[in-house]
Amino acid sequence: MLTPPAAARLFRIVAIAEACSWVGLLLGMLFKYVLTGNDVGVTVFGPIHGALFVAYVLITLLAARVLRWDLRTLVLALAASVPPLATLWFERWARRTGRLAQPSSAPIAR
């Protein structure tokens, strides 16, 4: 079983990686559709972002269970996977509000 500190660390890594892949994909789309018509950036970053998006969703579900997130926090974390770079915002918010810390014996009702 995954410990709470390990779940929090894994969540942070994947959240940051997912945001970075968004940046790569957005830059690839800028080059493809605005600057040069070259689709190499989309070809490279599209699958990377797709894989990291799926990893983020799976790790979010796992972290929510291990860290005992309430439904509101889980829904917010999952919703953060859709807009570009929102996983960075959620990760910082979750860290600041203690949602990436060792859970108490009872679930937090916030």
PDB file of N, CA and C in Angstrom:
ATOM      1  N   MET A   1       0.836  -1.195   0.000  1.00  0.00           N
ATOM      2  CA  MET A   1       0.000   0.000   0.000  1.00  0.00           C
ATOM      3  C   MET A   1       0.872   1.247   0.000  1.00  0.00           C
ATOM      4  N   LEU A   2       0.386   2.262  -0.651  1.00  0.00           N
ATOM      5  CA  LEU A   2       1.091   3.527  -0.773  1.00  0.00           C
ATOM      6  C   LEU A   2       0.900   4.355   0.506  1.00  0.00           C
ATOM      7  N   THR A   3       1.982   4.869   1.036  1.00  0.00           N
ATOM      8  CA  THR A   3       1.893   5.704   2.246  1.00  0.00           C
ATOM      9  C   THR A   3       1.417   7.109   1.857  1.00  0.00           C
ATOM     10  N   PRO A   4       0.832   7.852   2.792  1.00  0.00           N
ATOM     11  CA  PRO A   4       0.401   9.220   2.474  1.00  0.00           C
ATOM     12  C   PRO A   4       1.529  10.125   1.961  1.00  0.00           C
ATOM     13  N   PRO A   5       2.719  10.113   2.568  1.00  0.00           N
ATOM     14  CA  PRO A   5       3.785  10.963   2.012  1.00  0.00           C
ATOM     15  C   PRO A   5       4.164  10.566   0.580  1.00  0.00           C
ATOM     16  N   ALA A   6       4.193   9.268   0.308  1.00  0.00           N
ATOM     17  CA  ALA A   6       4.524   8.817  -1.048  1.00  0.00           C
ATOM     18  C   ALA A   6       3.420   9.195  -2.029  1.00  0.00           C
ATOM     19  N   ALA A   7       2.169   9.084  -1.617  1.00  0.00           N
ATOM     20  CA  ALA A   7       1.045   9.467  -2.484  1.00  0.00           C
ATOM     21  C   ALA A   7       1.099  10.958  -2.797  1.00  0.00           C
ATOM     22  N   ALA A   8       1.382  11.762  -1.785  1.00  0.00           N
ATOM     23  CA  ALA A   8       1.474  13.205  -1.989  1.00  0.00           C
ATOM     24  C   ALA A   8       2.626  13.551  -2.927  1.00  0.00           C
ATOM     25  N   ARG A   9       3.762  12.913  -2.743  1.00  0.00           N
ATOM     26  CA  ARG A   9       4.924  13.163  -3.596  1.00  0.00           C
ATOM     27  C   ARG A   9       4.639  12.743  -5.037  1.00  0.00           C
ATOM     28  N   LEU A  10       4.050  11.576  -5.221  1.00  0.00           N
ATOM     29  CA  LEU A  10       3.707  11.087  -6.553  1.00  0.00           C
ATOM     30  C   LEU A  10       2.691  12.014  -7.216  1.00  0.00           C
ATOM     31  N   PHE A  11       1.692  12.448  -6.454  1.00  0.00           N
ATOM     32  CA  PHE A  11       0.698  13.367  -6.999  1.00  0.00           C
ATOM     33  C   PHE A  11       1.364  14.656  -7.469  1.00  0.00           C
ATOM     34  N   ARG A  12       2.230  15.226  -6.655  1.00  0.00           N
ATOM     35  CA  ARG A  12       2.909  16.475  -7.026  1.00  0.00           C
ATOM     36  C   ARG A  12       3.741  16.314  -8.293  1.00  0.00           C
ATOM     37  N   ILE A  13       4.463  15.212  -8.390  1.00  0.00           N
ATOM     38  CA  ILE A  13       5.301  14.969  -9.570  1.00  0.00           C
ATOM     39  C   ILE A  13       4.448  14.889 -10.829  1.00  0.00           C
ATOM     40  N   VAL A  14       3.382  14.117 -10.772  1.00  0.00           N
ATOM     41  CA  VAL A  14       2.537  13.929 -11.952  1.00  0.00           C
ATOM     42  C   VAL A  14       1.779  15.216 -12.288  1.00  0.00           C
ATOM     43  N   ALA A  15       1.331  15.966 -11.286  1.00  0.00           N
ATOM     44  CA  ALA A  15       0.628  17.229 -11.544  1.00  0.00           C
ATOM     45  C   ALA A  15       1.536  18.223 -12.263  1.00  0.00           C
ATOM     46  N   ILE A  16       2.773  18.306 -11.826  1.00  0.00           N
ATOM     47  CA  ILE A  16       3.726  19.225 -12.456  1.00  0.00           C
ATOM     48  C   ILE A  16       4.089  18.739 -13.857  1.00  0.00           C
ATOM     49  N   ALA A  17       4.308  17.448 -14.014  1.00  0.00           N
ATOM     50  CA  ALA A  17       4.631  16.896 -15.333  1.00  0.00           C
ATOM     51  C   ALA A  17       3.478  17.101 -16.312  1.00  0.00           C
ATOM     52  N   GLU A  18       2.243  16.930 -15.839  1.00  0.00           N
ATOM     53  CA  GLU A  18       1.079  17.124 -16.710  1.00  0.00           C
ATOM     54  C   GLU A  18       1.011  18.570 -17.183  1.00  0.00           C
ATOM     55  N   ALA A  19       1.281  19.516 -16.292  1.00  0.00           N
ATOM     56  CA  ALA A  19       1.281  20.936 -16.667  1.00  0.00           C
ATOM     57  C   ALA A  19       2.393  21.237 -17.676  1.00  0.00           C
ATOM     58  N   CYS A  20       3.563  20.665 -17.468  1.00  0.00           N
ATOM     59  CA  CYS A  20       4.670  20.871 -18.415  1.00  0.00           C
ATOM     60  C   CYS A  20       4.326  20.304 -19.788  1.00  0.00           C
ATOM     61  N   SER A  21       3.660  19.170 -19.812  1.00  0.00           N
ATOM     62  CA  SER A  21       3.274  18.595 -21.100  1.00  0.00           C
ATOM     63  C   SER A  21       2.233  19.471 -21.799  1.00  0.00           C
ATOM     64  N   TRP A  22       1.383  20.150 -21.018  1.00  0.00           N
ATOM     65  CA  TRP A  22       0.430  21.103 -21.600  1.00  0.00           C
ATOM     66  C   TRP A  22       1.194  22.222 -22.304  1.00  0.00           C
ATOM     67  N   VAL A  23       2.235  22.742 -21.638  1.00  0.00           N
ATOM     68  CA  VAL A  23       3.038  23.813 -22.228  1.00  0.00           C
ATOM     69  C   VAL A  23       3.644  23.343 -23.550  1.00  0.00           C
ATOM     70  N   GLY A  24       4.215  22.145 -23.553  1.00  0.00           N
ATOM     71  CA  GLY A  24       4.789  21.606 -24.786  1.00  0.00           C
ATOM     72  C   GLY A  24       3.748  21.466 -25.885  1.00  0.00           C
ATOM     73  N   LEU A  25       2.581  20.966 -25.533  1.00  0.00           N
ATOM     74  CA  LEU A  25       1.520  20.797 -26.528  1.00  0.00           C
ATOM     75  C   LEU A  25       1.023  22.150 -27.030  1.00  0.00           C
ATOM     76  N   LEU A  26       0.854  23.111 -26.135  1.00  0.00           N
ATOM     77  CA  LEU A  26       0.416  24.442 -26.568  1.00  0.00           C
ATOM     78  C   LEU A  26       1.442  25.106 -27.487  1.00  0.00           C
ATOM     79  N   LEU A  27       2.727  24.941 -27.171  1.00  0.00           N
ATOM     80  CA  LEU A  27       3.760  25.477 -28.053  1.00  0.00           C
ATOM     81  C   LEU A  27       3.746  24.761 -29.400  1.00  0.00           C
ATOM     82  N   GLY A  28       3.555  23.451 -29.367  1.00  0.00           N
ATOM     83  CA  GLY A  28       3.448  22.697 -30.612  1.00  0.00           C
ATOM     84  C   GLY A  28       2.281  23.174 -31.458  1.00  0.00           C
ATOM     85  N   MET A  29       1.147  23.459 -30.823  1.00  0.00           N
ATOM     86  CA  MET A  29      -0.021  23.956 -31.563  1.00  0.00           C
ATOM     87  C   MET A  29       0.228  25.361 -32.094  1.00  0.00           C
ATOM     88  N   LEU A  30       0.935  26.196 -31.332  1.00  0.00           N
ATOM     89  CA  LEU A  30       1.292  27.528 -31.809  1.00  0.00           C
ATOM     90  C   LEU A  30       2.108  27.443 -33.092  1.00  0.00           C
ATOM     91  N   PHE A  31       3.106  26.575 -33.081  1.00  0.00           N
ATOM     92  CA  PHE A  31       3.926  26.417 -34.285  1.00  0.00           C
ATOM     93  C   PHE A  31       3.123  25.832 -35.433  1.00  0.00           C
ATOM     94  N   LYS A  32       2.290  24.841 -35.151  1.00  0.00           N
ATOM     95  CA  LYS A  32       1.527  24.175 -36.213  1.00  0.00           C
ATOM     96  C   LYS A  32       0.490  25.105 -36.837  1.00  0.00           C
ATOM     97  N   TYR A  33      -0.288  25.784 -36.003  1.00  0.00           N
ATOM     98  CA  TYR A  33      -1.427  26.530 -36.526  1.00  0.00           C
ATOM     99  C   TYR A  33      -1.188  28.020 -36.752  1.00  0.00           C
ATOM    100  N   VAL A  34      -0.113  28.583 -36.160  1.00  0.00           N
ATOM    101  CA  VAL A  34       0.086  30.021 -36.280  1.00  0.00           C
ATOM    102  C   VAL A  34       1.396  30.365 -36.986  1.00  0.00           C
ATOM    103  N   LEU A  35       2.488  29.744 -36.588  1.00  0.00           N
ATOM    104  CA  LEU A  35       3.792  30.205 -37.055  1.00  0.00           C
ATOM    105  C   LEU A  35       4.313  29.516 -38.314  1.00  0.00           C
ATOM    106  N   THR A  36       4.394  28.202 -38.305  1.00  0.00           N
ATOM    107  CA  THR A  36       5.100  27.540 -39.410  1.00  0.00           C
ATOM    108  C   THR A  36       4.315  26.469 -40.140  1.00  0.00           C
ATOM    109  N   GLY A  37       3.275  25.945 -39.547  1.00  0.00           N
ATOM    110  CA  GLY A  37       2.565  24.832 -40.168  1.00  0.00           C
ATOM    111  C   GLY A  37       3.237  23.494 -39.898  1.00  0.00           C
ATOM    112  N   ASN A  38       4.332  23.500 -39.151  1.00  0.00           N
ATOM    113  CA  ASN A  38       5.060  22.277 -38.821  1.00  0.00           C
ATOM    114  C   ASN A  38       4.389  21.615 -37.615  1.00  0.00           C
ATOM    115  N   ASP A  39       4.039  20.330 -37.748  1.00  0.00           N
ATOM    116  CA  ASP A  39       3.303  19.653 -36.680  1.00  0.00           C
ATOM    117  C   ASP A  39       4.168  18.750 -35.801  1.00  0.00           C
ATOM    118  N   VAL A  40       5.476  18.914 -35.831  1.00  0.00           N
ATOM    119  CA  VAL A  40       6.359  18.071 -35.030  1.00  0.00           C
ATOM    120  C   VAL A  40       6.060  18.216 -33.536  1.00  0.00           C
ATOM    121  N   GLY A  41       5.834  19.440 -33.071  1.00  0.00           N
ATOM    122  CA  GLY A  41       5.560  19.663 -31.648  1.00  0.00           C
ATOM    123  C   GLY A  41       4.298  18.954 -31.191  1.00  0.00           C
ATOM    124  N   VAL A  42       3.263  18.991 -32.020  1.00  0.00           N
ATOM    125  CA  VAL A  42       2.019  18.309 -31.676  1.00  0.00           C
ATOM    126  C   VAL A  42       2.213  16.800 -31.742  1.00  0.00           C
ATOM    127  N   THR A  43       2.960  16.339 -32.728  1.00  0.00           N
ATOM    128  CA  THR A  43       3.229  14.907 -32.870  1.00  0.00           C
ATOM    129  C   THR A  43       4.003  14.368 -31.668  1.00  0.00           C
ATOM    130  N   VAL A  44       4.935  15.162 -31.149  1.00  0.00           N
ATOM    131  CA  VAL A  44       5.740  14.735 -30.004  1.00  0.00           C
ATOM    132  C   VAL A  44       4.966  14.899 -28.694  1.00  0.00           C
ATOM    133  N   PHE A  45       4.435  16.091 -28.463  1.00  0.00           N
ATOM    134  CA  PHE A  45       3.823  16.376 -27.165  1.00  0.00           C
ATOM    135  C   PHE A  45       2.390  15.876 -27.012  1.00  0.00           C
ATOM    136  N   GLY A  46       1.708  15.609 -28.125  1.00  0.00           N
ATOM    137  CA  GLY A  46       0.346  15.087 -28.036  1.00  0.00           C
ATOM    138  C   GLY A  46       0.272  13.779 -27.255  1.00  0.00           C
ATOM    139  N   PRO A  47       1.019  12.754 -27.666  1.00  0.00           N
ATOM    140  CA  PRO A  47       0.983  11.494 -26.922  1.00  0.00           C
ATOM    141  C   PRO A  47       1.551  11.599 -25.500  1.00  0.00           C
ATOM    142  N   ILE A  48       2.567  12.434 -25.318  1.00  0.00           N
ATOM    143  CA  ILE A  48       3.136  12.621 -23.980  1.00  0.00           C
ATOM    144  C   ILE A  48       2.079  13.231 -23.063  1.00  0.00           C
ATOM    145  N   HIS A  49       1.420  14.268 -23.556  1.00  0.00           N
ATOM    146  CA  HIS A  49       0.378  14.904 -22.745  1.00  0.00           C
ATOM    147  C   HIS A  49      -0.777  13.936 -22.481  1.00  0.00           C
ATOM    148  N   GLY A  50      -1.154  13.171 -23.483  1.00  0.00           N
ATOM    149  CA  GLY A  50      -2.238  12.201 -23.292  1.00  0.00           C
ATOM    150  C   GLY A  50      -1.909  11.190 -22.204  1.00  0.00           C
ATOM    151  N   ALA A  51      -0.694  10.671 -22.226  1.00  0.00           N
ATOM    152  CA  ALA A  51      -0.278   9.694 -21.217  1.00  0.00           C
ATOM    153  C   ALA A  51      -0.220  10.332 -19.830  1.00  0.00           C
ATOM    154  N   LEU A  52       0.293  11.548 -19.746  1.00  0.00           N
ATOM    155  CA  LEU A  52       0.378  12.213 -18.450  1.00  0.00           C
ATOM    156  C   LEU A  52      -0.999  12.632 -17.939  1.00  0.00           C
ATOM    157  N   PHE A  53      -1.916  12.944 -18.844  1.00  0.00           N
ATOM    158  CA  PHE A  53      -3.290  13.239 -18.441  1.00  0.00           C
ATOM    159  C   PHE A  53      -3.924  12.010 -17.789  1.00  0.00           C
ATOM    160  N   VAL A  54      -3.782  10.863 -18.431  1.00  0.00           N
ATOM    161  CA  VAL A  54      -4.328   9.613 -17.873  1.00  0.00           C
ATOM    162  C   VAL A  54      -3.649   9.299 -16.539  1.00  0.00           C
ATOM    163  N   ALA A  55      -2.327   9.471 -16.481  1.00  0.00           N
ATOM    164  CA  ALA A  55      -1.602   9.226 -15.224  1.00  0.00           C
ATOM    165  C   ALA A  55      -2.092  10.162 -14.130  1.00  0.00           C
ATOM    166  N   TYR A  56      -2.324  11.422 -14.459  1.00  0.00           N
ATOM    167  CA  TYR A  56      -2.812  12.384 -13.468  1.00  0.00           C
ATOM    168  C   TYR A  56      -4.166  11.945 -12.911  1.00  0.00           C
ATOM    169  N   VAL A  57      -5.076  11.536 -13.780  1.00  0.00           N
ATOM    170  CA  VAL A  57      -6.403  11.111 -13.323  1.00  0.00           C
ATOM    171  C   VAL A  57      -6.273   9.895 -12.402  1.00  0.00           C
ATOM    172  N   LEU A  58      -5.476   8.918 -12.800  1.00  0.00           N
ATOM    173  CA  LEU A  58      -5.310   7.714 -11.982  1.00  0.00           C
ATOM    174  C   LEU A  58      -4.638   8.018 -10.640  1.00  0.00           C
ATOM    175  N   ILE A  59      -3.581   8.820 -10.675  1.00  0.00           N
ATOM    176  CA  ILE A  59      -2.874   9.172  -9.442  1.00  0.00           C
ATOM    177  C   ILE A  59      -3.765  10.036  -8.550  1.00  0.00           C
ATOM    178  N   THR A  60      -4.588  10.880  -9.148  1.00  0.00           N
ATOM    179  CA  THR A  60      -5.526  11.688  -8.363  1.00  0.00           C
ATOM    180  C   THR A  60      -6.503  10.798  -7.612  1.00  0.00           C
ATOM    181  N   LEU A  61      -7.051   9.796  -8.285  1.00  0.00           N
ATOM    182  CA  LEU A  61      -7.975   8.873  -7.625  1.00  0.00           C
ATOM    183  C   LEU A  61      -7.277   8.122  -6.494  1.00  0.00           C
ATOM    184  N   LEU A  62      -6.048   7.699  -6.736  1.00  0.00           N
ATOM    185  CA  LEU A  62      -5.279   7.002  -5.708  1.00  0.00           C
ATOM    186  C   LEU A  62      -4.957   7.930  -4.532  1.00  0.00           C
ATOM    187  N   ALA A  63      -4.483   9.133  -4.841  1.00  0.00           N
ATOM    188  CA  ALA A  63      -4.132  10.088  -3.776  1.00  0.00           C
ATOM    189  C   ALA A  63      -5.361  10.466  -2.966  1.00  0.00           C
ATOM    190  N   ALA A  64      -6.495  10.623  -3.620  1.00  0.00           N
ATOM    191  CA  ALA A  64      -7.724  10.978  -2.902  1.00  0.00           C
ATOM    192  C   ALA A  64      -8.088   9.916  -1.877  1.00  0.00           C
ATOM    193  N   ARG A  65      -7.861   8.681  -2.242  1.00  0.00           N
ATOM    194  CA  ARG A  65      -8.166   7.594  -1.300  1.00  0.00           C
ATOM    195  C   ARG A  65      -7.156   7.549  -0.154  1.00  0.00           C
ATOM    196  N   VAL A  66      -5.874   7.595  -0.496  1.00  0.00           N
ATOM    197  CA  VAL A  66      -4.818   7.490   0.520  1.00  0.00           C
ATOM    198  C   VAL A  66      -4.816   8.710   1.441  1.00  0.00           C
ATOM    199  N   LEU A  67      -5.021   9.893   0.862  1.00  0.00           N
ATOM    200  CA  LEU A  67      -4.967  11.129   1.646  1.00  0.00           C
ATOM    201  C   LEU A  67      -6.331  11.526   2.212  1.00  0.00           C
ATOM    202  N   ARG A  68      -7.336  10.726   1.950  1.00  0.00           N
ATOM    203  CA  ARG A  68      -8.691  10.916   2.483  1.00  0.00           C
ATOM    204  C   ARG A  68      -9.292  12.267   2.117  1.00  0.00           C
ATOM    205  N   TRP A  69      -9.224  12.586   0.814  1.00  0.00           N
ATOM    206  CA  TRP A  69      -9.836  13.814   0.344  1.00  0.00           C
ATOM    207  C   TRP A  69     -11.347  13.662   0.352  1.00  0.00           C
ATOM    208  N   ASP A  70     -12.037  14.760   0.620  1.00  0.00           N
ATOM    209  CA  ASP A  70     -13.489  14.733   0.510  1.00  0.00           C
ATOM    210  C   ASP A  70     -13.874  14.821  -0.974  1.00  0.00           C
ATOM    211  N   LEU A  71     -15.145  14.645  -1.262  1.00  0.00           N
ATOM    212  CA  LEU A  71     -15.617  14.613  -2.652  1.00  0.00           C
ATOM    213  C   LEU A  71     -15.348  15.940  -3.357  1.00  0.00           C
ATOM    214  N   ARG A  72     -15.508  17.043  -2.658  1.00  0.00           N
ATOM    215  CA  ARG A  72     -15.267  18.358  -3.256  1.00  0.00           C
ATOM    216  C   ARG A  72     -13.819  18.487  -3.732  1.00  0.00           C
ATOM    217  N   THR A  73     -12.890  18.058  -2.906  1.00  0.00           N
ATOM    218  CA  THR A  73     -11.470  18.135  -3.263  1.00  0.00           C
ATOM    219  C   THR A  73     -11.168  17.228  -4.450  1.00  0.00           C
ATOM    220  N   LEU A  74     -11.724  16.026  -4.431  1.00  0.00           N
ATOM    221  CA  LEU A  74     -11.512  15.099  -5.552  1.00  0.00           C
ATOM    222  C   LEU A  74     -12.047  15.672  -6.851  1.00  0.00           C
ATOM    223  N   VAL A  75     -13.254  16.197  -6.829  1.00  0.00           N
ATOM    224  CA  VAL A  75     -13.849  16.769  -8.044  1.00  0.00           C
ATOM    225  C   VAL A  75     -13.024  17.953  -8.538  1.00  0.00           C
ATOM    226  N   LEU A  76     -12.568  18.788  -7.629  1.00  0.00           N
ATOM    227  CA  LEU A  76     -11.727  19.926  -8.001  1.00  0.00           C
ATOM    228  C   LEU A  76     -10.417  19.457  -8.630  1.00  0.00           C
ATOM    229  N   ALA A  77      -9.808  18.428  -8.050  1.00  0.00           N
ATOM    230  CA  ALA A  77      -8.553  17.891  -8.593  1.00  0.00           C
ATOM    231  C   ALA A  77      -8.770  17.321  -9.990  1.00  0.00           C
ATOM    232  N   LEU A  78      -9.860  16.601 -10.186  1.00  0.00           N
ATOM    233  CA  LEU A  78     -10.143  16.033 -11.506  1.00  0.00           C
ATOM    234  C   LEU A  78     -10.477  17.133 -12.516  1.00  0.00           C
ATOM    235  N   ALA A  79     -11.225  18.132 -12.093  1.00  0.00           N
ATOM    236  CA  ALA A  79     -11.552  19.249 -12.987  1.00  0.00           C
ATOM    237  C   ALA A  79     -10.298  20.022 -13.390  1.00  0.00           C
ATOM    238  N   ALA A  80      -9.310  20.055 -12.508  1.00  0.00           N
ATOM    239  CA  ALA A  80      -8.060  20.766 -12.800  1.00  0.00           C
ATOM    240  C   ALA A  80      -7.268  20.106 -13.922  1.00  0.00           C
ATOM    241  N   SER A  81      -7.622  18.886 -14.287  1.00  0.00           N
ATOM    242  CA  SER A  81      -6.897  18.212 -15.361  1.00  0.00           C
ATOM    243  C   SER A  81      -7.281  18.739 -16.736  1.00  0.00           C
ATOM    244  N   VAL A  82      -8.368  19.487 -16.834  1.00  0.00           N
ATOM    245  CA  VAL A  82      -8.855  19.911 -18.143  1.00  0.00           C
ATOM    246  C   VAL A  82      -8.248  21.236 -18.624  1.00  0.00           C
ATOM    247  N   PRO A  83      -8.345  22.341 -17.868  1.00  0.00           N
ATOM    248  CA  PRO A  83      -7.752  23.592 -18.379  1.00  0.00           C
ATOM    249  C   PRO A  83      -6.221  23.542 -18.332  1.00  0.00           C
ATOM    250  N   PRO A  84      -5.579  24.179 -19.296  1.00  0.00           N
ATOM    251  CA  PRO A  84      -4.112  24.194 -19.293  1.00  0.00           C
ATOM    252  C   PRO A  84      -3.553  24.775 -17.992  1.00  0.00           C
ATOM    253  N   LEU A  85      -2.590  24.079 -17.425  1.00  0.00           N
ATOM    254  CA  LEU A  85      -1.821  24.484 -16.244  1.00  0.00           C
ATOM    255  C   LEU A  85      -2.618  24.522 -14.943  1.00  0.00           C
ATOM    256  N   ALA A  86      -3.869  24.094 -14.947  1.00  0.00           N
ATOM    257  CA  ALA A  86      -4.670  24.131 -13.724  1.00  0.00           C
ATOM    258  C   ALA A  86      -4.185  23.118 -12.691  1.00  0.00           C
ATOM    259  N   THR A  87      -3.484  22.075 -13.119  1.00  0.00           N
ATOM    260  CA  THR A  87      -2.964  21.120 -12.139  1.00  0.00           C
ATOM    261  C   THR A  87      -1.917  21.778 -11.246  1.00  0.00           C
ATOM    262  N   LEU A  88      -1.192  22.768 -11.780  1.00  0.00           N
ATOM    263  CA  LEU A  88      -0.235  23.512 -10.944  1.00  0.00           C
ATOM    264  C   LEU A  88      -0.972  24.290  -9.868  1.00  0.00           C
ATOM    265  N   TRP A  89      -2.055  24.969 -10.271  1.00  0.00           N
ATOM    266  CA  TRP A  89      -2.853  25.712  -9.299  1.00  0.00           C
ATOM    267  C   TRP A  89      -3.398  24.771  -8.229  1.00  0.00           C
ATOM    268  N   PHE A  90      -3.965  23.626  -8.652  1.00  0.00           N
ATOM    269  CA  PHE A  90      -4.541  22.715  -7.675  1.00  0.00           C
ATOM    270  C   PHE A  90      -3.470  22.165  -6.739  1.00  0.00           C
ATOM    271  N   GLU A  91      -2.331  21.790  -7.275  1.00  0.00           N
ATOM    272  CA  GLU A  91      -1.255  21.235  -6.443  1.00  0.00           C
ATOM    273  C   GLU A  91      -0.819  22.241  -5.385  1.00  0.00           C
ATOM    274  N   ARG A  92      -0.656  23.497  -5.774  1.00  0.00           N
ATOM    275  CA  ARG A  92      -0.254  24.531  -4.808  1.00  0.00           C
ATOM    276  C   ARG A  92      -1.337  24.754  -3.769  1.00  0.00           C
ATOM    277  N   TRP A  93      -2.591  24.795  -4.197  1.00  0.00           N
ATOM    278  CA  TRP A  93      -3.705  24.983  -3.273  1.00  0.00           C
ATOM    279  C   TRP A  93      -3.800  23.813  -2.302  1.00  0.00           C
ATOM    280  N   ALA A  94      -3.672  22.592  -2.825  1.00  0.00           N
ATOM    281  CA  ALA A  94      -3.762  21.400  -1.976  1.00  0.00           C
ATOM    282  C   ALA A  94      -2.619  21.367  -0.963  1.00  0.00           C
ATOM    283  N   ARG A  95      -1.435  21.763  -1.387  1.00  0.00           N
ATOM    284  CA  ARG A  95      -0.295  21.802  -0.457  1.00  0.00           C
ATOM    285  C   ARG A  95      -0.511  22.868   0.614  1.00  0.00           C
ATOM    286  N   ARG A  96      -0.949  24.051   0.193  1.00  0.00           N
ATOM    287  CA  ARG A  96      -1.165  25.162   1.122  1.00  0.00           C
ATOM    288  C   ARG A  96      -2.270  24.868   2.133  1.00  0.00           C
ATOM    289  N   THR A  97      -3.304  24.137   1.737  1.00  0.00           N
ATOM    290  CA  THR A  97      -4.436  23.863   2.621  1.00  0.00           C
ATOM    291  C   THR A  97      -4.298  22.547   3.381  1.00  0.00           C
ATOM    292  N   GLY A  98      -3.155  21.878   3.254  1.00  0.00           N
ATOM    293  CA  GLY A  98      -2.904  20.665   4.017  1.00  0.00           C
ATOM    294  C   GLY A  98      -3.477  19.397   3.419  1.00  0.00           C
ATOM    295  N   ARG A  99      -3.955  19.459   2.219  1.00  0.00           N
ATOM    296  CA  ARG A  99      -4.540  18.266   1.592  1.00  0.00           C
ATOM    297  C   ARG A  99      -3.483  17.304   1.049  1.00  0.00           C
ATOM    298  N   LEU A 100      -2.235  17.740   1.014  1.00  0.00           N
ATOM    299  CA  LEU A 100      -1.147  16.849   0.609  1.00  0.00           C
ATOM    300  C   LEU A 100      -0.285  16.468   1.813  1.00  0.00           C
ATOM    301  N   ALA A 101      -0.861  16.569   2.987  1.00  0.00           N
ATOM    302  CA  ALA A 101      -0.160  16.219   4.226  1.00  0.00           C
ATOM    303  C   ALA A 101      -0.697  14.889   4.755  1.00  0.00           C
ATOM    304  N   GLN A 102      -0.053  14.398   5.777  1.00  0.00           N
ATOM    305  CA  GLN A 102      -0.485  13.160   6.438  1.00  0.00           C
ATOM    306  C   GLN A 102      -1.927  13.331   6.923  1.00  0.00           C
ATOM    307  N   PRO A 103      -2.848  12.445   6.516  1.00  0.00           N
ATOM    308  CA  PRO A 103      -4.234  12.596   6.967  1.00  0.00           C
ATOM    309  C   PRO A 103      -4.390  12.224   8.436  1.00  0.00           C
ATOM    310  N   SER A 104      -5.374  12.825   9.042  1.00  0.00           N
ATOM    311  CA  SER A 104      -5.695  12.434  10.428  1.00  0.00           C
ATOM    312  C   SER A 104      -6.472  11.122  10.382  1.00  0.00           C
ATOM    313  N   SER A 105      -6.806  10.585  11.538  1.00  0.00           N
ATOM    314  CA  SER A 105      -7.526   9.306  11.570  1.00  0.00           C
ATOM    315  C   SER A 105      -8.941   9.442  11.054  1.00  0.00           C
ATOM    316  N   ALA A 106      -9.491  10.661  11.108  1.00  0.00           N
ATOM    317  CA  ALA A 106     -10.843  10.892  10.600  1.00  0.00           C
ATOM    318  C   ALA A 106     -10.754  11.761   9.344  1.00  0.00           C
ATOM    319  N   PRO A 107     -11.647  11.541   8.398  1.00  0.00           N
ATOM    320  CA  PRO A 107     -11.643  12.380   7.185  1.00  0.00           C
ATOM    321  C   PRO A 107     -11.884  13.848   7.527  1.00  0.00           C
ATOM    322  N   ILE A 108     -11.268  14.722   6.763  1.00  0.00           N
ATOM    323  CA  ILE A 108     -11.403  16.162   6.954  1.00  0.00           C
ATOM    324  C   ILE A 108     -12.683  16.613   6.261  1.00  0.00           C
ATOM    325  N   ALA A 109     -13.546  17.297   6.982  1.00  0.00           N
ATOM    326  CA  ALA A 109     -14.772  17.848   6.390  1.00  0.00           C
ATOM    327  C   ALA A 109     -14.566  19.338   6.186  1.00  0.00           C
ATOM    328  N   ARG A 110     -14.306  19.724   4.943  1.00  0.00           N
ATOM    329  CA  ARG A 110     -14.092  21.152   4.637  1.00  0.00           C
ATOM    330  C   ARG A 110     -15.040  21.582   3.571  1.00  0.00           C
TER     331      ARG A 110
END
